[in-house]
Amino acid sequence: MATTRARSVLKNKKLYKVKVDEKLCKGCYFCVKFCPMGVFVRSDIMGDLGYNIAQVKFPEKCTGCKACLLYCPDLAVAIEEQKDGD
């Protein structure tokens, strides 16, 4: 019974497309700090504003909680639910 339920949960898990806008990110890393699933990491990528930006390293871990959207002061993070076939 437990394995049947686990399969059901995995089958119905929603997937999300997560992006960090290189034109807006100032490297505060609030998304790294406050993401409960560890989707983001610090990077060596220089954004358009001259700061090392956050990077989406584990998008498959995203649960769509949107904590990153709440904490990002620059509105540099975007989350979109993936539809079947995306």
N, C-alpha and C. Protein backbone atom coordinates (compact mmCIF):
# COMPACT_ATOMS: atom_id res chain seq x y z
N MET A 1 0.82 -1.19 0.00
CA MET A 1 0.00 0.00 0.00
C MET A 1 0.87 1.26 0.00
N ALA A 2 1.93 1.27 0.78
CA ALA A 2 2.80 2.45 0.86
C ALA A 2 3.46 2.72 -0.48
N THR A 3 3.88 1.68 -1.18
CA THR A 3 4.53 1.91 -2.48
C THR A 3 3.54 2.43 -3.51
N THR A 4 2.29 2.01 -3.42
CA THR A 4 1.26 2.51 -4.33
C THR A 4 1.04 3.99 -4.09
N ARG A 5 1.00 4.39 -2.85
CA ARG A 5 0.81 5.81 -2.53
C ARG A 5 2.01 6.64 -2.98
N ALA A 6 3.22 6.11 -2.78
CA ALA A 6 4.43 6.81 -3.19
C ALA A 6 4.44 7.01 -4.70
N ARG A 7 4.04 6.02 -5.44
CA ARG A 7 3.97 6.14 -6.90
C ARG A 7 2.96 7.20 -7.30
N SER A 8 1.84 7.22 -6.61
CA SER A 8 0.80 8.21 -6.89
C SER A 8 1.30 9.62 -6.65
N VAL A 9 2.03 9.83 -5.56
CA VAL A 9 2.56 11.15 -5.24
C VAL A 9 3.58 11.57 -6.28
N LEU A 10 4.48 10.67 -6.66
CA LEU A 10 5.48 11.00 -7.66
C LEU A 10 4.85 11.28 -9.02
N LYS A 11 3.83 10.53 -9.36
CA LYS A 11 3.16 10.70 -10.64
C LYS A 11 2.45 12.06 -10.71
N ASN A 12 1.88 12.50 -9.60
CA ASN A 12 1.12 13.74 -9.58
C ASN A 12 1.94 14.96 -9.18
N LYS A 13 3.25 14.80 -8.98
CA LYS A 13 4.10 15.92 -8.59
C LYS A 13 4.16 16.94 -9.72
N LYS A 14 3.89 18.18 -9.37
CA LYS A 14 3.96 19.25 -10.35
C LYS A 14 5.41 19.66 -10.55
N LEU A 15 5.74 20.02 -11.77
CA LEU A 15 7.07 20.49 -12.09
C LEU A 15 7.01 21.98 -12.39
N TYR A 16 8.07 22.69 -11.99
CA TYR A 16 8.10 24.13 -12.16
C TYR A 16 9.35 24.55 -12.92
N LYS A 17 9.19 25.57 -13.74
CA LYS A 17 10.29 26.19 -14.45
C LYS A 17 10.71 27.40 -13.62
N VAL A 18 11.95 27.41 -13.16
CA VAL A 18 12.45 28.48 -12.29
C VAL A 18 13.57 29.21 -13.01
N LYS A 19 13.51 30.54 -12.99
CA LYS A 19 14.54 31.34 -13.67
C LYS A 19 14.98 32.50 -12.79
N VAL A 20 16.24 32.88 -12.94
CA VAL A 20 16.76 34.09 -12.32
C VAL A 20 17.10 35.05 -13.45
N ASP A 21 16.53 36.24 -13.42
CA ASP A 21 16.77 37.24 -14.46
C ASP A 21 18.12 37.91 -14.22
N GLU A 22 19.06 37.69 -15.14
CA GLU A 22 20.42 38.23 -15.01
C GLU A 22 20.44 39.75 -15.10
N LYS A 23 19.40 40.34 -15.63
CA LYS A 23 19.32 41.80 -15.76
C LYS A 23 18.87 42.46 -14.46
N LEU A 24 18.23 41.68 -13.57
CA LEU A 24 17.68 42.24 -12.33
C LEU A 24 18.40 41.79 -11.07
N CYS A 25 19.00 40.62 -11.08
CA CYS A 25 19.61 40.04 -9.87
C CYS A 25 20.83 40.86 -9.44
N LYS A 26 20.86 41.18 -8.13
CA LYS A 26 22.00 41.91 -7.55
C LYS A 26 22.82 41.04 -6.61
N GLY A 27 22.58 39.74 -6.63
CA GLY A 27 23.39 38.82 -5.84
C GLY A 27 23.20 38.91 -4.34
N CYS A 28 22.00 39.20 -3.88
CA CYS A 28 21.75 39.23 -2.43
C CYS A 28 21.67 37.81 -1.87
N TYR A 29 21.36 36.86 -2.72
CA TYR A 29 21.26 35.44 -2.37
C TYR A 29 20.18 35.14 -1.35
N PHE A 30 19.17 36.00 -1.24
CA PHE A 30 18.04 35.70 -0.37
C PHE A 30 17.33 34.42 -0.85
N CYS A 31 17.27 34.23 -2.16
CA CYS A 31 16.64 33.01 -2.69
C CYS A 31 17.40 31.77 -2.24
N VAL A 32 18.73 31.87 -2.22
CA VAL A 32 19.56 30.75 -1.77
C VAL A 32 19.29 30.46 -0.29
N LYS A 33 19.22 31.53 0.50
CA LYS A 33 19.04 31.39 1.94
C LYS A 33 17.65 30.89 2.33
N PHE A 34 16.62 31.39 1.66
CA PHE A 34 15.25 31.12 2.11
C PHE A 34 14.53 30.02 1.34
N CYS A 35 15.09 29.50 0.28
CA CYS A 35 14.44 28.38 -0.44
C CYS A 35 14.52 27.13 0.42
N PRO A 36 13.38 26.59 0.85
CA PRO A 36 13.41 25.41 1.72
C PRO A 36 13.87 24.14 1.02
N MET A 37 13.87 24.15 -0.31
CA MET A 37 14.23 22.95 -1.06
C MET A 37 15.65 23.00 -1.64
N GLY A 38 16.34 24.11 -1.50
CA GLY A 38 17.71 24.21 -2.01
C GLY A 38 17.80 24.26 -3.52
N VAL A 39 16.88 24.94 -4.16
CA VAL A 39 16.85 25.04 -5.62
C VAL A 39 17.98 25.93 -6.15
N PHE A 40 18.35 26.96 -5.39
CA PHE A 40 19.31 27.97 -5.84
C PHE A 40 20.69 27.78 -5.20
N VAL A 41 21.72 28.23 -5.92
CA VAL A 41 23.08 28.25 -5.39
C VAL A 41 23.74 29.56 -5.78
N ARG A 42 24.82 29.91 -5.06
CA ARG A 42 25.63 31.06 -5.44
C ARG A 42 26.41 30.67 -6.69
N SER A 43 26.70 31.63 -7.55
CA SER A 43 27.43 31.30 -8.77
C SER A 43 28.53 32.31 -9.03
N ASP A 44 29.35 31.99 -9.99
CA ASP A 44 30.40 32.89 -10.46
C ASP A 44 29.96 33.65 -11.70
N ILE A 45 28.69 33.51 -12.07
CA ILE A 45 28.16 34.18 -13.25
C ILE A 45 27.92 35.65 -12.92
N MET A 46 28.48 36.52 -13.73
CA MET A 46 28.31 37.96 -13.54
C MET A 46 27.05 38.40 -14.29
N GLY A 47 26.14 39.03 -13.55
CA GLY A 47 24.91 39.54 -14.15
C GLY A 47 25.13 40.87 -14.85
N ASP A 48 24.11 41.38 -15.48
CA ASP A 48 24.19 42.64 -16.21
C ASP A 48 24.51 43.84 -15.32
N LEU A 49 24.19 43.74 -14.03
CA LEU A 49 24.45 44.85 -13.11
C LEU A 49 25.83 44.77 -12.46
N GLY A 50 26.62 43.76 -12.81
CA GLY A 50 27.97 43.64 -12.30
C GLY A 50 28.10 42.84 -11.02
N TYR A 51 27.07 42.12 -10.64
CA TYR A 51 27.09 41.30 -9.43
C TYR A 51 27.11 39.82 -9.80
N ASN A 52 27.71 39.00 -8.94
CA ASN A 52 27.59 37.56 -9.12
C ASN A 52 26.17 37.17 -8.73
N ILE A 53 25.48 36.53 -9.62
CA ILE A 53 24.05 36.26 -9.42
C ILE A 53 23.80 34.87 -8.85
N ALA A 54 22.59 34.67 -8.40
CA ALA A 54 22.14 33.34 -7.97
C ALA A 54 21.87 32.51 -9.22
N GLN A 55 21.98 31.21 -9.08
CA GLN A 55 21.76 30.30 -10.20
C GLN A 55 20.79 29.21 -9.77
N VAL A 56 19.92 28.82 -10.68
CA VAL A 56 19.00 27.70 -10.44
C VAL A 56 19.79 26.42 -10.73
N LYS A 57 20.10 25.68 -9.67
CA LYS A 57 20.92 24.48 -9.80
C LYS A 57 20.07 23.20 -9.80
N PHE A 58 18.99 23.21 -9.01
CA PHE A 58 18.17 22.00 -8.87
C PHE A 58 16.69 22.33 -9.11
N PRO A 59 16.30 22.66 -10.34
CA PRO A 59 14.90 23.03 -10.60
C PRO A 59 13.91 21.91 -10.31
N GLU A 60 14.36 20.68 -10.38
CA GLU A 60 13.47 19.54 -10.13
C GLU A 60 13.03 19.47 -8.68
N LYS A 61 13.73 20.16 -7.78
CA LYS A 61 13.36 20.17 -6.36
C LYS A 61 12.27 21.19 -6.04
N CYS A 62 11.98 22.09 -6.96
CA CYS A 62 11.01 23.17 -6.70
C CYS A 62 9.62 22.61 -6.46
N THR A 63 8.99 23.06 -5.37
CA THR A 63 7.63 22.64 -5.04
C THR A 63 6.61 23.73 -5.33
N GLY A 64 7.07 24.88 -5.81
CA GLY A 64 6.17 25.98 -6.12
C GLY A 64 5.73 26.77 -4.90
N CYS A 65 6.48 26.71 -3.81
CA CYS A 65 6.08 27.42 -2.58
C CYS A 65 6.19 28.94 -2.73
N LYS A 66 7.02 29.40 -3.64
CA LYS A 66 7.21 30.81 -3.97
C LYS A 66 7.86 31.64 -2.86
N ALA A 67 8.57 30.99 -1.96
CA ALA A 67 9.31 31.73 -0.93
C ALA A 67 10.34 32.64 -1.59
N CYS A 68 10.96 32.18 -2.65
CA CYS A 68 11.96 32.99 -3.36
C CYS A 68 11.34 34.27 -3.90
N LEU A 69 10.11 34.19 -4.39
CA LEU A 69 9.43 35.37 -4.92
C LEU A 69 9.14 36.37 -3.81
N LEU A 70 8.81 35.87 -2.63
CA LEU A 70 8.50 36.74 -1.50
C LEU A 70 9.73 37.47 -0.97
N TYR A 71 10.88 36.81 -0.99
CA TYR A 71 12.09 37.38 -0.41
C TYR A 71 12.95 38.17 -1.39
N CYS A 72 12.82 37.95 -2.68
CA CYS A 72 13.66 38.64 -3.65
C CYS A 72 13.28 40.12 -3.73
N PRO A 73 14.18 41.02 -3.30
CA PRO A 73 13.86 42.44 -3.31
C PRO A 73 13.87 43.06 -4.70
N ASP A 74 14.45 42.36 -5.66
CA ASP A 74 14.59 42.91 -7.01
C ASP A 74 13.66 42.26 -8.03
N LEU A 75 12.78 41.39 -7.57
CA LEU A 75 11.83 40.68 -8.45
C LEU A 75 12.56 39.97 -9.60
N ALA A 76 13.70 39.38 -9.26
CA ALA A 76 14.54 38.75 -10.27
C ALA A 76 14.24 37.27 -10.48
N VAL A 77 13.34 36.69 -9.67
CA VAL A 77 13.03 35.27 -9.78
C VAL A 77 11.65 35.09 -10.39
N ALA A 78 11.55 34.12 -11.28
CA ALA A 78 10.26 33.79 -11.91
C ALA A 78 10.03 32.29 -11.78
N ILE A 79 8.79 31.93 -11.46
CA ILE A 79 8.40 30.52 -11.37
C ILE A 79 7.17 30.32 -12.24
N GLU A 80 7.20 29.26 -13.02
CA GLU A 80 6.07 28.95 -13.89
C GLU A 80 5.82 27.45 -13.82
N GLU A 81 4.57 27.08 -13.60
CA GLU A 81 4.22 25.67 -13.57
C GLU A 81 4.34 25.11 -14.99
N GLN A 82 5.02 23.98 -15.12
CA GLN A 82 5.18 23.36 -16.43
C GLN A 82 3.93 22.57 -16.76
N LYS A 83 3.49 22.68 -17.97
CA LYS A 83 2.37 21.90 -18.46
C LYS A 83 2.91 20.59 -19.00
N ASP A 84 2.06 19.61 -19.21
CA ASP A 84 2.50 18.34 -19.80
C ASP A 84 3.10 18.62 -21.16
N GLY A 85 4.28 18.06 -21.40
CA GLY A 85 4.93 18.25 -22.68
C GLY A 85 5.92 19.40 -22.70
N ASP A 86 6.03 20.18 -21.63
CA ASP A 86 7.01 21.29 -21.58
C ASP A 86 8.39 20.76 -21.31
